[in-house]
Amino acid sequence: MLTFIINWISGILADFSYAGVFFLMTVDSLNIPIPSEVVLAFTGFLVGRGEMNMHLSVLVAGLGGLFGSLVSYAIAYLGGRPLIERYGKYLLIHRRDVDGAEKWLERHGELIFFFGRFIPVIRTFISLPAGILRARLVPFALYTFFGTVVWSYIFIALGTYFGERWSIIEPITARFQWVVIGMLAMAVVWYVHRHVKKRGRLI
């Protein structure tokens, strides 16, 4: 499956160049699991061959990531919170949890939208809570763009450096991704345990 995805991504980039970068980064930011590491690493490979320009590739990748993130943000902004408040209780998510998350965002600042772009899994879905919590659009857009630009520079540079061996980058990042998934799983278990325990006290 991974081989098919890599071949599909590399085919789009080879055929459509910058338009392919924009399209794939947009899709990645729409919460569809396309590994941006593969997209950017192969772009770096093409940069190394002189077929693309690094700085222009990064700019296009940043714009694609921003566009997809804004679409996700808009969807969550328009319908996210009412749906959470109405149906979230079936997932043990209550209005006070959303309120608490909003206060956490206010306390720690909007830089979370920048640093969240460097965390696998989280970077893909971070636009949804931003929309649900109705974070300010301009800071969200700016941090999203610049976070994606930095992320793109890193992996395009790696792809350029490794050249023909660019595909070795994905397995390395995949290991880190599973660590993040494990941490998120533990967080979910703790979250469910806490809410079930609270519900038991109320009965």
Protein backbone atom coordinates (compact mmCIF):
# COMPACT_ATOMS: atom_id res chain seq x y z
CA MET A 1 0.00 0.00 0.00
CA LEU A 2 2.77 2.41 0.93
CA THR A 3 4.61 1.61 -2.29
CA PHE A 4 1.46 2.44 -4.26
CA ILE A 5 1.07 5.76 -2.43
CA ILE A 6 4.73 6.67 -3.01
CA ASN A 7 4.46 5.83 -6.71
CA TRP A 8 1.23 7.81 -7.00
CA ILE A 9 2.71 10.86 -5.29
CA SER A 10 5.95 10.75 -7.27
CA GLY A 11 3.97 10.35 -10.51
CA ILE A 12 1.86 13.45 -9.79
CA LEU A 13 4.93 15.52 -8.90
CA ALA A 14 6.87 14.33 -11.94
CA ASP A 15 3.95 15.16 -14.25
CA PHE A 16 2.57 18.36 -12.71
CA SER A 17 5.56 19.88 -10.90
CA TYR A 18 4.53 22.89 -8.76
CA ALA A 19 0.81 22.33 -9.38
CA GLY A 20 1.27 18.81 -8.05
CA VAL A 21 2.98 20.12 -4.91
CA PHE A 22 0.10 22.54 -4.29
CA PHE A 23 -2.54 19.85 -4.86
CA LEU A 24 -0.90 17.22 -2.64
CA MET A 25 -0.16 19.63 0.20
CA THR A 26 -3.75 20.86 0.03
CA VAL A 27 -5.06 17.30 0.24
CA ASP A 28 -2.74 16.57 3.18
CA SER A 29 -4.11 19.60 5.05
CA LEU A 30 -7.69 18.46 4.40
CA ASN A 31 -7.18 15.67 6.95
CA ILE A 32 -6.65 13.06 4.24
CA PRO A 33 -3.71 10.80 5.16
CA ILE A 34 -1.23 11.63 2.42
CA PRO A 35 2.31 11.69 3.91
CA SER A 36 3.63 15.20 3.30
CA GLU A 37 7.10 13.87 4.14
CA VAL A 38 6.98 11.80 0.95
CA VAL A 39 5.60 14.71 -1.10
CA LEU A 40 8.32 17.08 0.09
CA ALA A 41 11.17 14.56 -0.02
CA PHE A 42 10.46 13.68 -3.64
CA THR A 43 10.13 17.38 -4.42
CA GLY A 44 13.61 17.77 -2.93
CA PHE A 45 14.82 14.97 -5.20
CA LEU A 46 13.50 16.90 -8.21
CA VAL A 47 15.13 20.07 -6.88
CA GLY A 48 18.44 18.22 -6.70
CA ARG A 49 18.05 17.21 -10.35
CA GLY A 50 17.48 20.83 -11.31
CA GLU A 51 13.86 20.26 -12.38
CA MET A 52 12.39 22.49 -9.65
CA ASN A 53 13.50 25.47 -7.58
CA MET A 54 13.75 24.92 -3.81
CA HIS A 55 12.43 28.31 -2.67
CA LEU A 56 9.54 28.32 -5.13
CA SER A 57 8.67 24.73 -4.15
CA VAL A 58 8.59 25.72 -0.48
CA LEU A 59 6.37 28.72 -1.21
CA VAL A 60 3.93 26.58 -3.21
CA ALA A 61 3.91 23.91 -0.50
CA GLY A 62 3.19 26.57 2.13
CA LEU A 63 0.32 27.98 0.08
CA GLY A 64 -1.13 24.51 -0.51
CA GLY A 65 -0.94 23.69 3.19
CA LEU A 66 -2.54 27.01 4.06
CA PHE A 67 -5.39 26.57 1.58
CA GLY A 68 -6.27 23.08 2.80
CA SER A 69 -6.02 24.17 6.43
CA LEU A 70 -8.35 27.12 5.84
CA VAL A 71 -10.95 24.81 4.27
CA SER A 72 -10.73 22.48 7.29
CA TYR A 73 -10.90 25.45 9.64
CA ALA A 74 -14.02 26.78 7.87
CA ILE A 75 -15.80 23.42 8.05
CA ALA A 76 -15.09 23.10 11.78
CA TYR A 77 -15.88 26.78 12.40
CA LEU A 78 -19.31 26.59 10.74
CA GLY A 79 -20.47 23.25 12.09
CA GLY A 80 -17.97 21.85 14.55
CA ARG A 81 -18.88 23.18 17.97
CA PRO A 82 -22.68 22.74 17.71
CA LEU A 83 -22.13 19.15 16.62
CA ILE A 84 -19.73 18.55 19.53
CA GLU A 85 -22.18 20.07 22.03
CA ARG A 86 -25.07 18.03 20.64
CA TYR A 87 -23.45 14.67 19.97
CA GLY A 88 -20.14 14.86 21.85
CA LYS A 89 -21.62 13.29 24.98
CA TYR A 90 -21.76 9.97 23.15
CA LEU A 91 -17.95 10.19 22.85
CA LEU A 92 -17.60 11.44 26.45
CA ILE A 93 -16.92 14.97 25.17
CA HIS A 94 -18.89 17.65 27.01
CA ARG A 95 -19.34 21.35 26.58
CA ARG A 96 -17.08 22.03 29.56
CA ASP A 97 -14.29 20.18 27.74
CA VAL A 98 -14.61 22.47 24.74
CA ASP A 99 -14.70 25.48 27.07
CA GLY A 100 -11.61 24.19 28.83
CA ALA A 101 -9.77 23.73 25.54
CA GLU A 102 -10.68 27.28 24.57
CA LYS A 103 -9.27 28.61 27.84
CA TRP A 104 -6.12 26.51 27.33
CA LEU A 105 -5.68 28.11 23.90
CA GLU A 106 -6.12 31.56 25.40
CA ARG A 107 -3.63 30.79 28.16
CA HIS A 108 -0.88 29.26 26.02
CA GLY A 109 -1.33 31.38 22.92
CA GLU A 110 -1.77 30.76 19.24
CA LEU A 111 1.84 29.65 18.73
CA ILE A 112 0.44 26.13 19.14
CA PHE A 113 -0.69 26.42 15.51
CA PHE A 114 2.94 26.95 14.49
CA PHE A 115 4.59 24.23 16.57
CA GLY A 116 1.76 21.79 15.92
CA ARG A 117 2.87 21.69 12.28
CA PHE A 118 5.97 19.74 13.28
CA ILE A 119 4.17 16.91 15.07
CA PRO A 120 3.10 13.96 12.87
CA VAL A 121 -0.62 13.15 13.00
CA ILE A 122 -1.39 16.32 14.97
CA ARG A 123 -0.15 18.55 12.14
CA THR A 124 -2.80 17.11 9.82
CA PHE A 125 -5.78 17.60 12.14
CA ILE A 126 -4.88 20.75 14.07
CA SER A 127 -7.13 22.92 11.86
CA LEU A 128 -10.25 21.19 13.20
CA PRO A 129 -9.90 22.21 16.87
CA ALA A 130 -8.83 25.66 15.67
CA GLY A 131 -12.14 26.00 13.84
CA ILE A 132 -14.22 24.46 16.61
CA LEU A 133 -12.70 26.87 19.14
CA ARG A 134 -13.08 29.72 16.65
CA ALA A 135 -9.48 30.78 16.92
CA ARG A 136 -8.62 34.13 15.35
CA LEU A 137 -8.29 33.61 11.61
CA VAL A 138 -5.32 35.85 10.81
CA PRO A 139 -2.94 34.44 13.47
CA PHE A 140 -4.08 30.92 12.61
CA ALA A 141 -3.38 31.51 8.92
CA LEU A 142 0.01 33.12 9.52
CA TYR A 143 1.24 30.45 11.94
CA THR A 144 -0.07 27.72 9.66
CA PHE A 145 1.69 29.17 6.63
CA PHE A 146 5.05 29.76 8.31
CA GLY A 147 4.93 26.41 10.14
CA THR A 148 4.28 24.64 6.84
CA VAL A 149 7.07 26.61 5.17
CA VAL A 150 9.61 25.53 7.80
CA TRP A 151 8.39 21.91 7.62
CA SER A 152 8.68 22.05 3.83
CA TYR A 153 12.19 23.46 3.88
CA ILE A 154 13.33 20.64 6.17
CA PHE A 155 12.03 17.78 4.05
CA ILE A 156 12.77 19.31 0.68
CA ALA A 157 16.35 19.90 1.86
CA LEU A 158 16.54 16.28 3.06
CA GLY A 159 15.21 15.03 -0.27
CA THR A 160 17.80 17.12 -2.09
CA TYR A 161 20.58 15.81 0.15
CA PHE A 162 19.66 12.12 -0.16
CA GLY A 163 18.93 12.32 -3.88
CA GLU A 164 18.17 8.89 -5.32
CA ARG A 165 17.86 7.57 -1.75
CA TRP A 166 15.10 10.08 -0.85
CA SER A 167 12.63 7.28 -0.03
CA ILE A 168 14.58 6.29 3.12
CA ILE A 169 13.21 9.41 4.82
CA GLU A 170 9.63 8.12 5.16
CA PRO A 171 10.42 4.98 7.25
CA ILE A 172 12.39 7.12 9.69
CA THR A 173 9.56 9.61 10.18
CA ALA A 174 7.03 6.74 10.34
CA ARG A 175 8.73 5.40 13.46
CA PHE A 176 8.37 8.76 15.16
CA GLN A 177 4.76 8.92 14.01
CA TRP A 178 3.96 5.64 15.78
CA VAL A 179 5.46 7.07 18.97
CA VAL A 180 3.10 10.05 18.68
CA ILE A 181 0.14 7.75 17.98
CA GLY A 182 1.03 5.73 21.09
CA MET A 183 1.14 8.88 23.21
CA LEU A 184 -2.22 9.99 21.82
CA ALA A 185 -3.70 6.57 22.57
CA MET A 186 -2.57 6.82 26.18
CA ALA A 187 -4.05 10.30 26.39
CA VAL A 188 -7.39 8.98 25.10
CA VAL A 189 -7.38 6.15 27.67
CA TRP A 190 -6.68 8.66 30.46
CA TYR A 191 -9.40 10.98 29.13
CA VAL A 192 -12.03 8.21 29.00
CA HIS A 193 -11.04 6.92 32.46
CA ARG A 194 -11.34 10.41 33.95
CA HIS A 195 -14.78 11.01 32.46
CA VAL A 196 -16.15 7.59 33.38
CA LYS A 197 -14.87 8.08 36.93
CA LYS A 198 -16.55 11.50 37.16
CA ARG A 199 -19.79 10.11 35.78
CA GLY A 200 -19.69 7.34 38.40
CA ARG A 201 -19.45 9.91 41.17
CA LEU A 202 -22.53 11.70 39.87
CA ILE A 203 -24.67 8.56 39.84
